[in-house]
Amino acid sequence: MQFAAVNGRREGCHMDGNLRRSLLAVPASSTKMIEKSKGLVCDQILFDLEDAVSPAEKSGARANLIALFASQPTFQARYISIRINAANTPYFKDDLAALKQIPSGALFSLVMPKVESASDIDLIEGPFLIDAQIESAAGLGSVESIAAHPRVLSLSYGPLDFAADLGASLDALTESDLKEFTLYPLMKILVAARANDKLAFDGPEVDIRNAEKFSKSAQRVRALGFDGKWVLHPDQIQLCNEIFIPRDSEFQRASELIAKYESAKSQGLGAVTDGDLMIDEASRRHAAKIVARRQAFKSN
């Protein structure tokens, strides 16, 4: 799918933001990577002004994005966003000033890193919707109120900054310990997001050439209930997209379960057995989500 900028908006863009699995971070300091990103089939591009850009390159990165959007670019990605610098940095105000030079409606959202309270969101002037990153103890402690903010579309877990804030040494942890360490913040973020009808995304896998490591990480958070994951390299996009959409077998199984339940319901039954499994209303709701997600992505 390709979106052309028309009157400041991309035709075909799903403005509710629900069709997101792969979130590709692209350094705004690299014109080469910006140009390449136009043809990448990820769900969302996050042009990064924050961690991927050194202090000396911040000004040039902003200029790159202003020039990019002035040219009315087309993208294969469904959603186009910019990650600005955190509110407590000296770069924040300059980022906001640069945004005023980008055509209204050219962006789907702003990605706000290191959000620590709902009041941080109110520092963003204008009509921008916000994808909020939870990357600190303070942010996790306030995650419910952040998720409840009406301008927030999603929550993302930032594993490296979160670990640094806690003083954790991730490299010293075993794989089992690392899973245990991340489970609490992941689940707290997920529950806060779902309680407020928002999306939830896992942060990136920084070992960008290790497809097996990425796959294990993505499959784990998908099983927990997350909607997608950040990616740092184009090679991770297809794998991410495949993991976060129900497989053929899952879709078929869910469709059959719904049919059996509806048949039982039409006969006045509240539940029906399927082999050794009991199918009830809770089973139907779970299956319906699988079917809906599969159909939504396959039809777009």
Protein backbone atom coordinates (compact mmCIF):
# COMPACT_ATOMS: atom_id res chain seq x y z
CA MET A 1 0.00 0.00 0.00
CA GLN A 2 1.26 3.43 -0.88
CA PHE A 3 0.13 6.69 0.66
CA ALA A 4 0.36 9.94 -1.23
CA ALA A 5 0.41 13.22 0.64
CA VAL A 6 -2.78 14.99 -0.38
CA ASN A 7 -3.79 18.15 1.46
CA GLY A 8 -1.28 17.22 4.11
CA ARG A 9 -2.58 13.67 4.62
CA ARG A 10 -1.64 10.26 3.27
CA GLU A 11 -4.43 8.63 1.27
CA GLY A 12 -5.43 5.27 2.68
CA CYS A 13 -3.92 5.91 6.11
CA HIS A 14 -5.79 4.15 8.91
CA MET A 15 -6.10 7.02 11.32
CA ASP A 16 -7.17 4.88 14.27
CA GLY A 17 -3.68 3.36 14.32
CA ASN A 18 -4.84 -0.21 14.94
CA LEU A 19 -3.02 -1.84 12.03
CA ARG A 20 0.42 -1.81 13.60
CA ARG A 21 2.84 -4.67 14.19
CA SER A 22 6.27 -3.52 13.02
CA LEU A 23 7.52 -0.11 14.17
CA LEU A 24 10.74 0.80 12.35
CA ALA A 25 13.01 3.42 13.92
CA VAL A 26 14.89 5.43 11.26
CA PRO A 27 17.65 7.90 12.27
CA ALA A 28 16.60 11.31 10.98
CA SER A 29 20.27 12.24 10.66
CA SER A 30 20.73 9.79 7.77
CA THR A 31 19.33 10.97 4.43
CA LYS A 32 20.25 7.58 2.96
CA MET A 33 18.14 5.71 5.51
CA ILE A 34 15.31 8.21 5.17
CA GLU A 35 15.20 7.65 1.43
CA LYS A 36 15.36 3.87 1.79
CA SER A 37 12.53 3.91 4.34
CA LYS A 38 10.06 5.08 1.70
CA GLY A 39 9.93 1.62 0.13
CA LEU A 40 9.94 -0.50 3.28
CA VAL A 41 6.80 -2.49 4.05
CA CYS A 42 6.65 -1.92 7.79
CA ASP A 43 3.48 -0.77 9.50
CA GLN A 44 4.92 2.39 11.02
CA ILE A 45 8.04 4.45 10.41
CA LEU A 46 9.40 6.37 13.40
CA PHE A 47 11.79 9.04 12.20
CA ASP A 48 14.07 9.38 15.19
CA LEU A 49 15.41 12.64 16.57
CA GLU A 50 16.30 11.10 19.92
CA ASP A 51 18.74 8.30 20.80
CA ALA A 52 19.74 7.45 17.23
CA VAL A 53 20.94 11.03 16.65
CA SER A 54 24.00 12.49 18.35
CA PRO A 55 23.76 15.98 19.91
CA ALA A 56 25.91 17.42 17.12
CA GLU A 57 23.51 16.03 14.49
CA LYS A 58 20.19 17.09 16.04
CA SER A 59 19.85 20.33 14.10
CA GLY A 60 20.68 18.67 10.78
CA ALA A 61 18.25 15.83 11.51
CA ARG A 62 15.42 18.30 12.06
CA ALA A 63 16.30 20.02 8.77
CA ASN A 64 16.24 16.64 7.01
CA LEU A 65 12.69 15.98 8.17
CA ILE A 66 11.46 19.45 7.28
CA ALA A 67 12.84 18.97 3.76
CA LEU A 68 11.41 15.45 3.54
CA PHE A 69 7.84 16.45 4.31
CA ALA A 70 8.04 19.59 2.19
CA SER A 71 8.56 17.25 -0.78
CA GLN A 72 5.26 15.43 -0.10
CA PRO A 73 6.82 11.97 -0.01
CA THR A 74 5.07 8.64 -0.53
CA PHE A 75 5.64 5.63 1.72
CA GLN A 76 4.82 1.96 1.74
CA ALA A 77 4.30 2.14 5.51
CA ARG A 78 0.79 2.69 6.85
CA TYR A 79 1.77 5.25 9.48
CA ILE A 80 4.46 7.92 9.60
CA SER A 81 5.62 9.42 12.89
CA ILE A 82 8.49 11.33 14.46
CA ARG A 83 10.16 10.50 17.75
CA ILE A 84 11.13 13.74 19.44
CA ASN A 85 13.52 14.16 22.35
CA ALA A 86 12.35 13.81 25.92
CA ALA A 87 10.68 16.76 27.62
CA ASN A 88 13.49 17.19 30.16
CA THR A 89 16.22 17.57 27.52
CA PRO A 90 17.60 20.79 25.99
CA TYR A 91 16.48 19.52 22.55
CA PHE A 92 12.77 19.34 23.28
CA LYS A 93 11.82 22.93 22.47
CA ASP A 94 13.81 22.92 19.24
CA ASP A 95 12.02 19.74 18.19
CA LEU A 96 8.64 21.37 18.81
CA ALA A 97 9.71 24.42 16.82
CA ALA A 98 10.74 22.21 13.90
CA LEU A 99 7.36 20.44 13.94
CA LYS A 100 5.68 23.75 13.14
CA GLN A 101 7.45 23.67 9.77
CA ILE A 102 6.01 20.29 8.83
CA PRO A 103 2.67 20.35 6.96
CA SER A 104 -0.37 19.84 9.13
CA GLY A 105 -1.57 16.27 8.97
CA ALA A 106 1.59 14.86 7.41
CA LEU A 107 2.29 12.88 10.59
CA PHE A 108 0.17 10.20 12.17
CA SER A 109 1.63 10.77 15.63
CA LEU A 110 4.55 11.90 17.72
CA VAL A 111 6.53 9.32 19.65
CA MET A 112 7.35 10.74 23.07
CA PRO A 113 10.22 9.00 24.86
CA LYS A 114 10.74 8.66 28.61
CA VAL A 115 7.22 9.75 29.53
CA GLU A 116 7.02 9.87 33.32
CA SER A 117 3.62 11.46 33.93
CA ALA A 118 0.45 12.33 32.09
CA SER A 119 1.40 15.99 32.42
CA ASP A 120 4.36 15.35 30.08
CA ILE A 121 1.86 14.78 27.27
CA ASP A 122 0.35 18.23 27.83
CA LEU A 123 3.71 19.84 27.02
CA ILE A 124 3.13 18.97 23.36
CA GLU A 125 1.34 21.83 21.66
CA GLY A 126 -0.99 21.26 18.76
CA PRO A 127 -3.30 18.41 17.79
CA PHE A 128 -0.65 15.68 17.80
CA LEU A 129 -1.58 12.21 18.96
CA ILE A 130 1.06 10.53 21.10
CA ASP A 131 2.72 7.13 21.15
CA ALA A 132 4.23 7.10 24.65
CA GLN A 133 7.37 5.20 25.65
CA ILE A 134 7.64 3.88 29.20
CA GLU A 135 11.36 3.79 29.98
CA SER A 136 11.80 4.51 33.68
CA ALA A 137 10.60 3.56 37.14
CA ALA A 138 8.68 6.84 37.34
CA GLY A 139 7.03 6.17 33.99
CA LEU A 140 6.01 2.67 35.00
CA GLY A 141 4.68 3.99 38.30
CA SER A 142 2.45 6.44 36.42
CA VAL A 143 1.60 4.17 33.51
CA GLU A 144 -2.12 3.96 34.28
CA SER A 145 -2.62 7.72 34.15
CA ILE A 146 -0.40 8.00 31.08
CA ALA A 147 -2.45 5.35 29.28
CA ALA A 148 -5.65 7.15 30.27
CA HIS A 149 -4.59 10.42 28.63
CA PRO A 150 -6.96 11.04 25.71
CA ARG A 151 -4.15 11.90 23.28
CA VAL A 152 -2.17 8.73 23.96
CA LEU A 153 -2.62 6.03 21.32
CA SER A 154 -0.18 3.42 22.55
CA LEU A 155 2.41 2.47 25.13
CA SER A 156 5.84 1.08 24.27
CA TYR A 157 8.31 -0.58 26.61
CA GLY A 158 11.85 0.80 26.40
CA PRO A 159 13.96 -2.03 27.80
CA LEU A 160 17.44 -0.49 27.71
CA ASP A 161 16.56 2.85 29.26
CA PHE A 162 14.34 1.11 31.79
CA ALA A 163 17.17 -1.20 32.85
CA ALA A 164 19.58 1.72 33.05
CA ASP A 165 17.16 3.67 35.24
CA LEU A 166 16.93 0.73 37.63
CA GLY A 167 20.67 0.10 37.57
CA ALA A 168 20.25 -3.37 36.10
CA SER A 169 22.98 -5.11 34.09
CA LEU A 170 21.09 -7.03 31.44
CA ASP A 171 24.21 -8.66 30.00
CA ALA A 172 24.87 -10.30 33.37
CA LEU A 173 21.44 -11.94 33.51
CA THR A 174 20.70 -15.44 32.30
CA GLU A 175 17.97 -15.83 29.69
CA SER A 176 15.62 -17.06 32.41
CA ASP A 177 16.46 -14.15 34.71
CA LEU A 178 16.03 -11.68 31.87
CA LYS A 179 12.54 -12.98 31.15
CA GLU A 180 11.69 -12.66 34.83
CA PHE A 181 13.12 -9.14 34.96
CA THR A 182 11.06 -7.93 31.99
CA LEU A 183 7.80 -9.69 32.81
CA TYR A 184 6.63 -7.19 35.43
CA PRO A 185 7.08 -4.01 33.36
CA LEU A 186 5.73 -5.70 30.25
CA MET A 187 2.57 -6.87 31.99
CA LYS A 188 2.00 -3.59 33.81
CA ILE A 189 2.29 -1.71 30.52
CA LEU A 190 0.02 -4.19 28.75
CA VAL A 191 -2.67 -4.09 31.45
CA ALA A 192 -2.64 -0.28 31.55
CA ALA A 193 -2.94 -0.14 27.77
CA ARG A 194 -5.79 -2.62 27.57
CA ALA A 195 -7.68 -1.02 30.48
CA ASN A 196 -7.74 2.18 28.43
CA ASP A 197 -8.31 0.58 25.02
CA LYS A 198 -4.82 1.44 23.79
CA LEU A 199 -2.20 -0.55 21.88
CA ALA A 200 0.94 -1.98 23.49
CA PHE A 201 4.33 -2.54 21.86
CA ASP A 202 7.57 -4.14 22.96
CA GLY A 203 10.86 -2.35 22.47
CA PRO A 204 13.55 -3.38 19.99
CA GLU A 205 15.99 -6.27 19.86
CA VAL A 206 19.35 -4.54 19.51
CA ASP A 207 21.18 -7.63 18.22
CA ILE A 208 19.92 -6.75 14.76
CA ARG A 209 21.58 -9.63 12.86
CA ASN A 210 20.27 -12.33 15.21
CA ALA A 211 16.97 -13.39 13.66
CA GLU A 212 16.48 -16.23 16.15
CA LYS A 213 16.84 -13.89 19.13
CA PHE A 214 14.40 -11.42 17.59
CA SER A 215 11.93 -14.20 16.82
CA LYS A 216 11.98 -15.57 20.37
CA SER A 217 11.50 -12.12 21.84
CA ALA A 218 8.66 -11.25 19.48
CA GLN A 219 6.89 -14.58 19.92
CA ARG A 220 7.05 -14.21 23.70
CA VAL A 221 5.44 -10.78 23.81
CA ARG A 222 2.91 -11.74 21.17
CA ALA A 223 1.88 -14.67 23.40
CA LEU A 224 1.54 -12.24 26.31
CA GLY A 225 -0.85 -10.14 24.23
CA PHE A 226 1.25 -7.32 22.74
CA ASP A 227 0.27 -5.84 19.40
CA GLY A 228 3.75 -5.53 17.90
CA LYS A 229 7.38 -4.65 18.38
CA TRP A 230 9.95 -2.01 17.46
CA VAL A 231 12.45 -2.97 14.78
CA LEU A 232 15.84 -1.41 14.14
CA HIS A 233 16.77 -2.98 10.82
CA PRO A 234 14.83 -3.70 7.60
CA ASP A 235 15.73 -7.39 7.89
CA GLN A 236 13.53 -7.61 11.00
CA ILE A 237 10.38 -6.23 9.36
CA GLN A 238 9.00 -9.28 7.58
CA LEU A 239 9.69 -11.55 10.53
CA CYS A 240 7.94 -9.12 12.86
CA ASN A 241 4.92 -8.82 10.56
CA GLU A 242 4.59 -12.59 10.29
CA ILE A 243 4.83 -13.19 14.04
CA PHE A 244 2.22 -10.60 14.99
CA ILE A 245 -0.50 -11.82 12.67
CA PRO A 246 -2.41 -15.06 13.31
CA ARG A 247 -1.12 -17.98 11.25
CA ASP A 248 -3.35 -19.88 8.83
CA SER A 249 -3.78 -22.70 11.36
CA GLU A 250 -4.72 -20.27 14.15
CA PHE A 251 -7.24 -18.50 11.95
CA GLN A 252 -8.79 -21.76 10.80
CA ARG A 253 -8.99 -23.12 14.32
CA ALA A 254 -10.55 -19.90 15.65
CA SER A 255 -13.10 -19.82 12.83
CA GLU A 256 -14.11 -23.43 13.50
CA LEU A 257 -14.39 -22.75 17.23
CA ILE A 258 -16.72 -19.81 16.63
CA ALA A 259 -18.88 -21.87 14.28
CA LYS A 260 -19.19 -24.69 16.82
CA TYR A 261 -20.04 -22.31 19.62
CA GLU A 262 -22.66 -20.45 17.57
CA SER A 263 -24.20 -23.77 16.57
CA ALA A 264 -24.40 -24.84 20.21
CA LYS A 265 -25.83 -21.46 21.18
CA SER A 266 -28.55 -21.77 18.55
CA GLN A 267 -29.57 -25.02 20.25
CA GLY A 268 -29.88 -23.29 23.59
CA LEU A 269 -26.53 -24.49 24.94
CA GLY A 270 -24.13 -22.18 26.77
CA ALA A 271 -21.07 -24.31 26.10
CA VAL A 272 -19.95 -27.22 23.98
CA THR A 273 -17.08 -29.68 24.16
CA ASP A 274 -14.53 -29.97 21.39
CA GLY A 275 -12.52 -33.07 22.12
CA ASP A 276 -11.17 -32.52 25.61
CA LEU A 277 -11.73 -28.76 25.46
CA MET A 278 -14.71 -26.79 26.69
CA ILE A 279 -15.85 -23.98 24.40
CA ASP A 280 -17.78 -21.18 26.06
CA GLU A 281 -18.33 -17.44 25.63
CA ALA A 282 -14.79 -16.64 26.81
CA SER A 283 -13.42 -19.04 24.21
CA ARG A 284 -15.53 -17.37 21.54
CA ARG A 285 -14.31 -13.88 22.47
CA HIS A 286 -10.69 -14.96 22.25
CA ALA A 287 -11.28 -16.68 18.91
CA ALA A 288 -13.13 -13.65 17.59
CA LYS A 289 -10.12 -11.44 18.31
CA ILE A 290 -7.89 -13.81 16.35
CA VAL A 291 -10.27 -13.80 13.39
CA ALA A 292 -10.71 -10.03 13.46
CA ARG A 293 -6.97 -9.35 13.63
CA ARG A 294 -6.23 -11.72 10.78
CA GLN A 295 -8.96 -10.27 8.58
CA ALA A 296 -7.98 -6.68 9.35
CA PHE A 297 -4.38 -7.12 8.26
CA LYS A 298 -5.13 -9.39 5.32
CA SER A 299 -7.68 -6.97 3.88
CA ASN A 300 -5.29 -4.00 3.96
